[in-house]
Amino acid sequence: MKAMTRLFTGLALVGALGVSAAWADQPGADWKVNKDQAEAALKSAGYTQITKIEADDGHWEGEGIKADGKQYEFHVDPHTGAITKDELDK
């Protein structure tokens, strides 16, 4: 019986951690660059389509397509709007 209690307690903790991680990925209160501004910076850098963009780990992160028709991954600094990662998606 103790083993079952431990199992369910462990599962509940894992579930709770997953929920709190989802809440953590929100734009920070001190971010000066909103989602639309990040997309504008990406389009200025040659992205023709933004397929995904979200707040993650302290920056804007996502994927998009450039004029060459290939999919790229990007990060945008939320304070300056600078693109800090711009790599071909593998």
PDB file of N, CA and C in Angstrom:
ATOM      1  N   MET A   1       0.812  -1.192   0.000  1.00  0.00           N
ATOM      2  CA  MET A   1       0.000   0.000   0.000  1.00  0.00           C
ATOM      3  C   MET A   1       0.863   1.266   0.000  1.00  0.00           C
ATOM      4  N   LYS A   2       1.972   1.240   0.759  1.00  0.00           N
ATOM      5  CA  LYS A   2       2.860   2.405   0.791  1.00  0.00           C
ATOM      6  C   LYS A   2       3.452   2.670  -0.586  1.00  0.00           C
ATOM      7  N   ALA A   3       3.738   1.588  -1.326  1.00  0.00           N
ATOM      8  CA  ALA A   3       4.311   1.750  -2.665  1.00  0.00           C
ATOM      9  C   ALA A   3       3.334   2.480  -3.580  1.00  0.00           C
ATOM     10  N   MET A   4       2.051   2.155  -3.494  1.00  0.00           N
ATOM     11  CA  MET A   4       1.037   2.820  -4.318  1.00  0.00           C
ATOM     12  C   MET A   4       0.921   4.299  -3.934  1.00  0.00           C
ATOM     13  N   THR A   5       0.961   4.588  -2.644  1.00  0.00           N
ATOM     14  CA  THR A   5       0.876   5.966  -2.173  1.00  0.00           C
ATOM     15  C   THR A   5       2.063   6.769  -2.703  1.00  0.00           C
ATOM     16  N   ARG A   6       3.247   6.194  -2.634  1.00  0.00           N
ATOM     17  CA  ARG A   6       4.451   6.870  -3.151  1.00  0.00           C
ATOM     18  C   ARG A   6       4.348   7.095  -4.654  1.00  0.00           C
ATOM     19  N   LEU A   7       3.839   6.100  -5.367  1.00  0.00           N
ATOM     20  CA  LEU A   7       3.694   6.218  -6.811  1.00  0.00           C
ATOM     21  C   LEU A   7       2.774   7.377  -7.165  1.00  0.00           C
ATOM     22  N   PHE A   8       1.603   7.430  -6.527  1.00  0.00           N
ATOM     23  CA  PHE A   8       0.657   8.498  -6.831  1.00  0.00           C
ATOM     24  C   PHE A   8       1.164   9.866  -6.373  1.00  0.00           C
ATOM     25  N   THR A   9       1.866   9.907  -5.272  1.00  0.00           N
ATOM     26  CA  THR A   9       2.462  11.163  -4.815  1.00  0.00           C
ATOM     27  C   THR A   9       3.500  11.649  -5.825  1.00  0.00           C
ATOM     28  N   GLY A  10       4.323  10.727  -6.310  1.00  0.00           N
ATOM     29  CA  GLY A  10       5.332  11.079  -7.316  1.00  0.00           C
ATOM     30  C   GLY A  10       4.698  11.584  -8.597  1.00  0.00           C
ATOM     31  N   LEU A  11       3.642  10.918  -9.045  1.00  0.00           N
ATOM     32  CA  LEU A  11       2.954  11.353 -10.261  1.00  0.00           C
ATOM     33  C   LEU A  11       2.319  12.730 -10.080  1.00  0.00           C
ATOM     34  N   ALA A  12       1.762  12.969  -8.912  1.00  0.00           N
ATOM     35  CA  ALA A  12       1.160  14.276  -8.634  1.00  0.00           C
ATOM     36  C   ALA A  12       2.218  15.373  -8.656  1.00  0.00           C
ATOM     37  N   LEU A  13       3.394  15.097  -8.093  1.00  0.00           N
ATOM     38  CA  LEU A  13       4.475  16.089  -8.101  1.00  0.00           C
ATOM     39  C   LEU A  13       4.959  16.383  -9.512  1.00  0.00           C
ATOM     40  N   VAL A  14       5.115  15.356 -10.309  1.00  0.00           N
ATOM     41  CA  VAL A  14       5.549  15.543 -11.701  1.00  0.00           C
ATOM     42  C   VAL A  14       4.521  16.374 -12.457  1.00  0.00           C
ATOM     43  N   GLY A  15       3.256  16.086 -12.252  1.00  0.00           N
ATOM     44  CA  GLY A  15       2.197  16.859 -12.904  1.00  0.00           C
ATOM     45  C   GLY A  15       2.216  18.312 -12.472  1.00  0.00           C
ATOM     46  N   ALA A  16       2.416  18.549 -11.197  1.00  0.00           N
ATOM     47  CA  ALA A  16       2.461  19.921 -10.684  1.00  0.00           C
ATOM     48  C   ALA A  16       3.649  20.680 -11.257  1.00  0.00           C
ATOM     49  N   LEU A  17       4.779  20.021 -11.399  1.00  0.00           N
ATOM     50  CA  LEU A  17       5.959  20.677 -11.983  1.00  0.00           C
ATOM     51  C   LEU A  17       5.701  21.039 -13.430  1.00  0.00           C
ATOM     52  N   GLY A  18       5.034  20.178 -14.162  1.00  0.00           N
ATOM     53  CA  GLY A  18       4.720  20.457 -15.560  1.00  0.00           C
ATOM     54  C   GLY A  18       3.826  21.668 -15.700  1.00  0.00           C
ATOM     55  N   VAL A  19       2.846  21.811 -14.838  1.00  0.00           N
ATOM     56  CA  VAL A  19       1.944  22.952 -14.881  1.00  0.00           C
ATOM     57  C   VAL A  19       2.684  24.234 -14.540  1.00  0.00           C
ATOM     58  N   SER A  20       3.544  24.216 -13.525  1.00  0.00           N
ATOM     59  CA  SER A  20       4.261  25.429 -13.151  1.00  0.00           C
ATOM     60  C   SER A  20       5.254  25.835 -14.232  1.00  0.00           C
ATOM     61  N   ALA A  21       5.829  24.871 -14.945  1.00  0.00           N
ATOM     62  CA  ALA A  21       6.747  25.202 -16.037  1.00  0.00           C
ATOM     63  C   ALA A  21       6.004  25.900 -17.163  1.00  0.00           C
ATOM     64  N   ALA A  22       4.781  25.490 -17.427  1.00  0.00           N
ATOM     65  CA  ALA A  22       3.998  26.132 -18.481  1.00  0.00           C
ATOM     66  C   ALA A  22       3.682  27.582 -18.119  1.00  0.00           C
ATOM     67  N   TRP A  23       3.409  27.847 -16.853  1.00  0.00           N
ATOM     68  CA  TRP A  23       3.121  29.206 -16.420  1.00  0.00           C
ATOM     69  C   TRP A  23       4.364  30.083 -16.452  1.00  0.00           C
ATOM     70  N   ALA A  24       5.545  29.491 -16.322  1.00  0.00           N
ATOM     71  CA  ALA A  24       6.787  30.255 -16.272  1.00  0.00           C
ATOM     72  C   ALA A  24       7.138  30.872 -17.621  1.00  0.00           C
ATOM     73  N   ASP A  25       6.644  30.340 -18.708  1.00  0.00           N
ATOM     74  CA  ASP A  25       6.990  30.816 -20.035  1.00  0.00           C
ATOM     75  C   ASP A  25       6.041  31.917 -20.498  1.00  0.00           C
ATOM     76  N   GLN A  26       6.134  33.041 -19.829  1.00  0.00           N
ATOM     77  CA  GLN A  26       5.353  34.229 -20.150  1.00  0.00           C
ATOM     78  C   GLN A  26       6.319  35.381 -20.364  1.00  0.00           C
ATOM     79  N   PRO A  27       5.946  36.353 -21.204  1.00  0.00           N
ATOM     80  CA  PRO A  27       6.817  37.519 -21.353  1.00  0.00           C
ATOM     81  C   PRO A  27       7.047  38.184 -20.006  1.00  0.00           C
ATOM     82  N   GLY A  28       8.282  38.594 -19.767  1.00  0.00           N
ATOM     83  CA  GLY A  28       8.620  39.240 -18.509  1.00  0.00           C
ATOM     84  C   GLY A  28       8.059  40.651 -18.437  1.00  0.00           C
ATOM     85  N   ALA A  29       7.802  41.117 -17.234  1.00  0.00           N
ATOM     86  CA  ALA A  29       7.264  42.461 -17.026  1.00  0.00           C
ATOM     87  C   ALA A  29       8.225  43.539 -17.529  1.00  0.00           C
ATOM     88  N   ASP A  30       9.521  43.219 -17.565  1.00  0.00           N
ATOM     89  CA  ASP A  30      10.523  44.203 -17.989  1.00  0.00           C
ATOM     90  C   ASP A  30      10.873  44.091 -19.478  1.00  0.00           C
ATOM     91  N   TRP A  31      10.181  43.251 -20.219  1.00  0.00           N
ATOM     92  CA  TRP A  31      10.462  43.094 -21.649  1.00  0.00           C
ATOM     93  C   TRP A  31      10.018  44.349 -22.392  1.00  0.00           C
ATOM     94  N   LYS A  32      10.907  44.906 -23.186  1.00  0.00           N
ATOM     95  CA  LYS A  32      10.615  46.108 -23.953  1.00  0.00           C
ATOM     96  C   LYS A  32      10.131  45.777 -25.367  1.00  0.00           C
ATOM     97  N   VAL A  33      10.375  44.539 -25.817  1.00  0.00           N
ATOM     98  CA  VAL A  33      10.012  44.114 -27.172  1.00  0.00           C
ATOM     99  C   VAL A  33       8.852  43.131 -27.067  1.00  0.00           C
ATOM    100  N   ASN A  34       7.696  43.529 -27.621  1.00  0.00           N
ATOM    101  CA  ASN A  34       6.558  42.619 -27.592  1.00  0.00           C
ATOM    102  C   ASN A  34       6.603  41.661 -28.792  1.00  0.00           C
ATOM    103  N   LYS A  35       5.658  40.774 -28.862  1.00  0.00           N
ATOM    104  CA  LYS A  35       5.639  39.747 -29.912  1.00  0.00           C
ATOM    105  C   LYS A  35       5.608  40.374 -31.313  1.00  0.00           C
ATOM    106  N   ASP A  36       4.782  41.378 -31.514  1.00  0.00           N
ATOM    107  CA  ASP A  36       4.688  42.022 -32.826  1.00  0.00           C
ATOM    108  C   ASP A  36       6.003  42.689 -33.227  1.00  0.00           C
ATOM    109  N   GLN A  37       6.674  43.316 -32.259  1.00  0.00           N
ATOM    110  CA  GLN A  37       7.963  43.953 -32.546  1.00  0.00           C
ATOM    111  C   GLN A  37       9.027  42.912 -32.873  1.00  0.00           C
ATOM    112  N   ALA A  38       8.986  41.774 -32.189  1.00  0.00           N
ATOM    113  CA  ALA A  38       9.935  40.691 -32.484  1.00  0.00           C
ATOM    114  C   ALA A  38       9.707  40.166 -33.898  1.00  0.00           C
ATOM    115  N   GLU A  39       8.444  40.005 -34.274  1.00  0.00           N
ATOM    116  CA  GLU A  39       8.135  39.543 -35.629  1.00  0.00           C
ATOM    117  C   GLU A  39       8.603  40.554 -36.671  1.00  0.00           C
ATOM    118  N   ALA A  40       8.449  41.831 -36.393  1.00  0.00           N
ATOM    119  CA  ALA A  40       8.908  42.867 -37.328  1.00  0.00           C
ATOM    120  C   ALA A  40      10.421  42.795 -37.506  1.00  0.00           C
ATOM    121  N   ALA A  41      11.158  42.575 -36.418  1.00  0.00           N
ATOM    122  CA  ALA A  41      12.616  42.448 -36.506  1.00  0.00           C
ATOM    123  C   ALA A  41      12.998  41.241 -37.344  1.00  0.00           C
ATOM    124  N   LEU A  42      12.268  40.151 -37.174  1.00  0.00           N
ATOM    125  CA  LEU A  42      12.552  38.934 -37.947  1.00  0.00           C
ATOM    126  C   LEU A  42      12.269  39.147 -39.434  1.00  0.00           C
ATOM    127  N   LYS A  43      11.194  39.834 -39.746  1.00  0.00           N
ATOM    128  CA  LYS A  43      10.871  40.096 -41.157  1.00  0.00           C
ATOM    129  C   LYS A  43      11.917  41.012 -41.784  1.00  0.00           C
ATOM    130  N   SER A  44      12.425  41.956 -41.000  1.00  0.00           N
ATOM    131  CA  SER A  44      13.502  42.831 -41.488  1.00  0.00           C
ATOM    132  C   SER A  44      14.780  42.038 -41.756  1.00  0.00           C
ATOM    133  N   ALA A  45      14.934  40.914 -41.049  1.00  0.00           N
ATOM    134  CA  ALA A  45      16.129  40.080 -41.203  1.00  0.00           C
ATOM    135  C   ALA A  45      15.954  39.010 -42.283  1.00  0.00           C
ATOM    136  N   GLY A  46      14.843  39.051 -43.009  1.00  0.00           N
ATOM    137  CA  GLY A  46      14.682  38.128 -44.132  1.00  0.00           C
ATOM    138  C   GLY A  46      13.671  37.017 -43.946  1.00  0.00           C
ATOM    139  N   TYR A  47      12.998  36.970 -42.818  1.00  0.00           N
ATOM    140  CA  TYR A  47      11.959  35.953 -42.629  1.00  0.00           C
ATOM    141  C   TYR A  47      10.722  36.368 -43.415  1.00  0.00           C
ATOM    142  N   THR A  48      10.186  35.463 -44.203  1.00  0.00           N
ATOM    143  CA  THR A  48       8.984  35.745 -44.971  1.00  0.00           C
ATOM    144  C   THR A  48       7.735  35.241 -44.263  1.00  0.00           C
ATOM    145  N   GLN A  49       7.919  34.280 -43.355  1.00  0.00           N
ATOM    146  CA  GLN A  49       6.799  33.728 -42.609  1.00  0.00           C
ATOM    147  C   GLN A  49       7.277  33.288 -41.228  1.00  0.00           C
ATOM    148  N   ILE A  50       6.552  33.683 -40.201  1.00  0.00           N
ATOM    149  CA  ILE A  50       6.835  33.238 -38.833  1.00  0.00           C
ATOM    150  C   ILE A  50       5.815  32.143 -38.536  1.00  0.00           C
ATOM    151  N   THR A  51       6.285  30.910 -38.357  1.00  0.00           N
ATOM    152  CA  THR A  51       5.372  29.799 -38.132  1.00  0.00           C
ATOM    153  C   THR A  51       5.113  29.530 -36.657  1.00  0.00           C
ATOM    154  N   LYS A  52       6.009  29.986 -35.788  1.00  0.00           N
ATOM    155  CA  LYS A  52       5.838  29.796 -34.338  1.00  0.00           C
ATOM    156  C   LYS A  52       6.682  30.838 -33.624  1.00  0.00           C
ATOM    157  N   ILE A  53       6.083  31.474 -32.627  1.00  0.00           N
ATOM    158  CA  ILE A  53       6.838  32.397 -31.776  1.00  0.00           C
ATOM    159  C   ILE A  53       6.200  32.379 -30.394  1.00  0.00           C
ATOM    160  N   GLU A  54       7.052  32.254 -29.359  1.00  0.00           N
ATOM    161  CA  GLU A  54       6.562  32.208 -27.988  1.00  0.00           C
ATOM    162  C   GLU A  54       7.653  32.664 -27.031  1.00  0.00           C
ATOM    163  N   ALA A  55       7.222  33.073 -25.858  1.00  0.00           N
ATOM    164  CA  ALA A  55       8.157  33.421 -24.790  1.00  0.00           C
ATOM    165  C   ALA A  55       8.681  32.123 -24.196  1.00  0.00           C
ATOM    166  N   ASP A  56      10.016  32.002 -24.108  1.00  0.00           N
ATOM    167  CA  ASP A  56      10.606  30.790 -23.554  1.00  0.00           C
ATOM    168  C   ASP A  56      11.999  31.086 -23.028  1.00  0.00           C
ATOM    169  N   ASP A  57      12.270  30.705 -21.810  1.00  0.00           N
ATOM    170  CA  ASP A  57      13.598  30.835 -21.208  1.00  0.00           C
ATOM    171  C   ASP A  57      14.174  32.246 -21.304  1.00  0.00           C
ATOM    172  N   GLY A  58      13.332  33.252 -21.136  1.00  0.00           N
ATOM    173  CA  GLY A  58      13.819  34.626 -21.082  1.00  0.00           C
ATOM    174  C   GLY A  58      14.033  35.301 -22.423  1.00  0.00           C
ATOM    175  N   HIS A  59      13.452  34.754 -23.493  1.00  0.00           N
ATOM    176  CA  HIS A  59      13.559  35.387 -24.806  1.00  0.00           C
ATOM    177  C   HIS A  59      12.389  34.954 -25.681  1.00  0.00           C
ATOM    178  N   TRP A  60      12.229  35.619 -26.816  1.00  0.00           N
ATOM    179  CA  TRP A  60      11.271  35.166 -27.819  1.00  0.00           C
ATOM    180  C   TRP A  60      11.950  34.060 -28.609  1.00  0.00           C
ATOM    181  N   GLU A  61      11.247  32.975 -28.832  1.00  0.00           N
ATOM    182  CA  GLU A  61      11.814  31.808 -29.500  1.00  0.00           C
ATOM    183  C   GLU A  61      10.789  31.282 -30.496  1.00  0.00           C
ATOM    184  N   GLY A  62      11.283  30.756 -31.602  1.00  0.00           N
ATOM    185  CA  GLY A  62      10.337  30.191 -32.559  1.00  0.00           C
ATOM    186  C   GLY A  62      10.990  29.690 -33.820  1.00  0.00           C
ATOM    187  N   GLU A  63      10.136  29.555 -34.830  1.00  0.00           N
ATOM    188  CA  GLU A  63      10.564  29.049 -36.127  1.00  0.00           C
ATOM    189  C   GLU A  63       9.925  29.887 -37.215  1.00  0.00           C
ATOM    190  N   GLY A  64      10.597  29.950 -38.334  1.00  0.00           N
ATOM    191  CA  GLY A  64      10.055  30.683 -39.465  1.00  0.00           C
ATOM    192  C   GLY A  64      10.735  30.270 -40.750  1.00  0.00           C
ATOM    193  N   ILE A  65      10.205  30.792 -41.838  1.00  0.00           N
ATOM    194  CA  ILE A  65      10.721  30.482 -43.169  1.00  0.00           C
ATOM    195  C   ILE A  65      11.313  31.752 -43.758  1.00  0.00           C
ATOM    196  N   LYS A  66      12.493  31.588 -44.342  1.00  0.00           N
ATOM    197  CA  LYS A  66      13.153  32.713 -45.008  1.00  0.00           C
ATOM    198  C   LYS A  66      12.903  32.641 -46.508  1.00  0.00           C
ATOM    199  N   ALA A  67      13.395  33.633 -47.230  1.00  0.00           N
ATOM    200  CA  ALA A  67      13.184  33.725 -48.676  1.00  0.00           C
ATOM    201  C   ALA A  67      13.720  32.505 -49.427  1.00  0.00           C
ATOM    202  N   ASP A  68      14.684  31.776 -48.841  1.00  0.00           N
ATOM    203  CA  ASP A  68      15.213  30.586 -49.509  1.00  0.00           C
ATOM    204  C   ASP A  68      14.258  29.386 -49.386  1.00  0.00           C
ATOM    205  N   GLY A  69      13.128  29.580 -48.676  1.00  0.00           N
ATOM    206  CA  GLY A  69      12.139  28.523 -48.530  1.00  0.00           C
ATOM    207  C   GLY A  69      12.449  27.508 -47.439  1.00  0.00           C
ATOM    208  N   LYS A  70      13.523  27.730 -46.701  1.00  0.00           N
ATOM    209  CA  LYS A  70      13.925  26.789 -45.653  1.00  0.00           C
ATOM    210  C   LYS A  70      13.447  27.264 -44.284  1.00  0.00           C
ATOM    211  N   GLN A  71      13.254  26.294 -43.392  1.00  0.00           N
ATOM    212  CA  GLN A  71      12.793  26.554 -42.023  1.00  0.00           C
ATOM    213  C   GLN A  71      13.995  26.866 -41.137  1.00  0.00           C
ATOM    214  N   TYR A  72      13.884  27.923 -40.334  1.00  0.00           N
ATOM    215  CA  TYR A  72      14.932  28.346 -39.416  1.00  0.00           C
ATOM    216  C   TYR A  72      14.383  28.431 -37.998  1.00  0.00           C
ATOM    217  N   GLU A  73      15.279  28.273 -37.031  1.00  0.00           N
ATOM    218  CA  GLU A  73      14.963  28.508 -35.624  1.00  0.00           C
ATOM    219  C   GLU A  73      15.570  29.846 -35.240  1.00  0.00           C
ATOM    220  N   PHE A  74      14.886  30.581 -34.367  1.00  0.00           N
ATOM    221  CA  PHE A  74      15.398  31.885 -33.949  1.00  0.00           C
ATOM    222  C   PHE A  74      15.145  32.140 -32.473  1.00  0.00           C
ATOM    223  N   HIS A  75      15.932  33.064 -31.936  1.00  0.00           N
ATOM    224  CA  HIS A  75      15.722  33.659 -30.619  1.00  0.00           C
ATOM    225  C   HIS A  75      15.823  35.165 -30.823  1.00  0.00           C
ATOM    226  N   VAL A  76      14.965  35.897 -30.143  1.00  0.00           N
ATOM    227  CA  VAL A  76      15.005  37.361 -30.191  1.00  0.00           C
ATOM    228  C   VAL A  76      15.121  37.871 -28.760  1.00  0.00           C
ATOM    229  N   ASP A  77      16.090  38.753 -28.533  1.00  0.00           N
ATOM    230  CA  ASP A  77      16.287  39.352 -27.208  1.00  0.00           C
ATOM    231  C   ASP A  77      15.083  40.247 -26.896  1.00  0.00           C
ATOM    232  N   PRO A  78      14.435  40.028 -25.760  1.00  0.00           N
ATOM    233  CA  PRO A  78      13.229  40.794 -25.434  1.00  0.00           C
ATOM    234  C   PRO A  78      13.496  42.221 -24.940  1.00  0.00           C
ATOM    235  N   HIS A  79      14.753  42.566 -24.759  1.00  0.00           N
ATOM    236  CA  HIS A  79      15.099  43.906 -24.281  1.00  0.00           C
ATOM    237  C   HIS A  79      15.579  44.799 -25.420  1.00  0.00           C
ATOM    238  N   THR A  80      16.261  44.197 -26.407  1.00  0.00           N
ATOM    239  CA  THR A  80      16.837  44.992 -27.495  1.00  0.00           C
ATOM    240  C   THR A  80      16.205  44.726 -28.862  1.00  0.00           C
ATOM    241  N   GLY A  81      15.558  43.568 -29.021  1.00  0.00           N
ATOM    242  CA  GLY A  81      15.012  43.184 -30.314  1.00  0.00           C
ATOM    243  C   GLY A  81      16.038  42.543 -31.236  1.00  0.00           C
ATOM    244  N   ALA A  82      17.249  42.354 -30.737  1.00  0.00           N
ATOM    245  CA  ALA A  82      18.306  41.735 -31.542  1.00  0.00           C
ATOM    246  C   ALA A  82      18.032  40.228 -31.695  1.00  0.00           C
ATOM    247  N   ILE A  83      18.330  39.728 -32.863  1.00  0.00           N
ATOM    248  CA  ILE A  83      18.196  38.287 -33.114  1.00  0.00           C
ATOM    249  C   ILE A  83      19.471  37.625 -32.610  1.00  0.00           C
ATOM    250  N   THR A  84      19.329  36.774 -31.599  1.00  0.00           N
ATOM    251  CA  THR A  84      20.498  36.162 -30.965  1.00  0.00           C
ATOM    252  C   THR A  84      20.741  34.725 -31.427  1.00  0.00           C
ATOM    253  N   LYS A  85      19.784  34.159 -32.128  1.00  0.00           N
ATOM    254  CA  LYS A  85      19.951  32.827 -32.724  1.00  0.00           C
ATOM    255  C   LYS A  85      19.209  32.852 -34.048  1.00  0.00           C
ATOM    256  N   ASP A  86      19.857  32.331 -35.065  1.00  0.00           N
ATOM    257  CA  ASP A  86      19.279  32.306 -36.409  1.00  0.00           C
ATOM    258  C   ASP A  86      19.917  31.115 -37.123  1.00  0.00           C
ATOM    259  N   GLU A  87      19.343  29.922 -36.927  1.00  0.00           N
ATOM    260  CA  GLU A  87      19.943  28.694 -37.446  1.00  0.00           C
ATOM    261  C   GLU A  87      18.964  27.895 -38.281  1.00  0.00           C
ATOM    262  N   LEU A  88      19.484  27.233 -39.271  1.00  0.00           N
ATOM    263  CA  LEU A  88      18.693  26.342 -40.102  1.00  0.00           C
ATOM    264  C   LEU A  88      18.130  25.241 -39.226  1.00  0.00           C
ATOM    265  N   ASP A  89      16.822  25.003 -39.324  1.00  0.00           N
ATOM    266  CA  ASP A  89      16.166  23.954 -38.527  1.00  0.00           C
ATOM    267  C   ASP A  89      16.509  22.601 -39.134  1.00  0.00           C
ATOM    268  N   LYS A  90      17.015  21.718 -38.308  1.00  0.00           N
ATOM    269  CA  LYS A  90      17.439  20.414 -38.804  1.00  0.00           C
ATOM    270  C   LYS A  90      16.385  19.373 -38.628  1.00  0.00           C
TER     271      LYS A  90
END
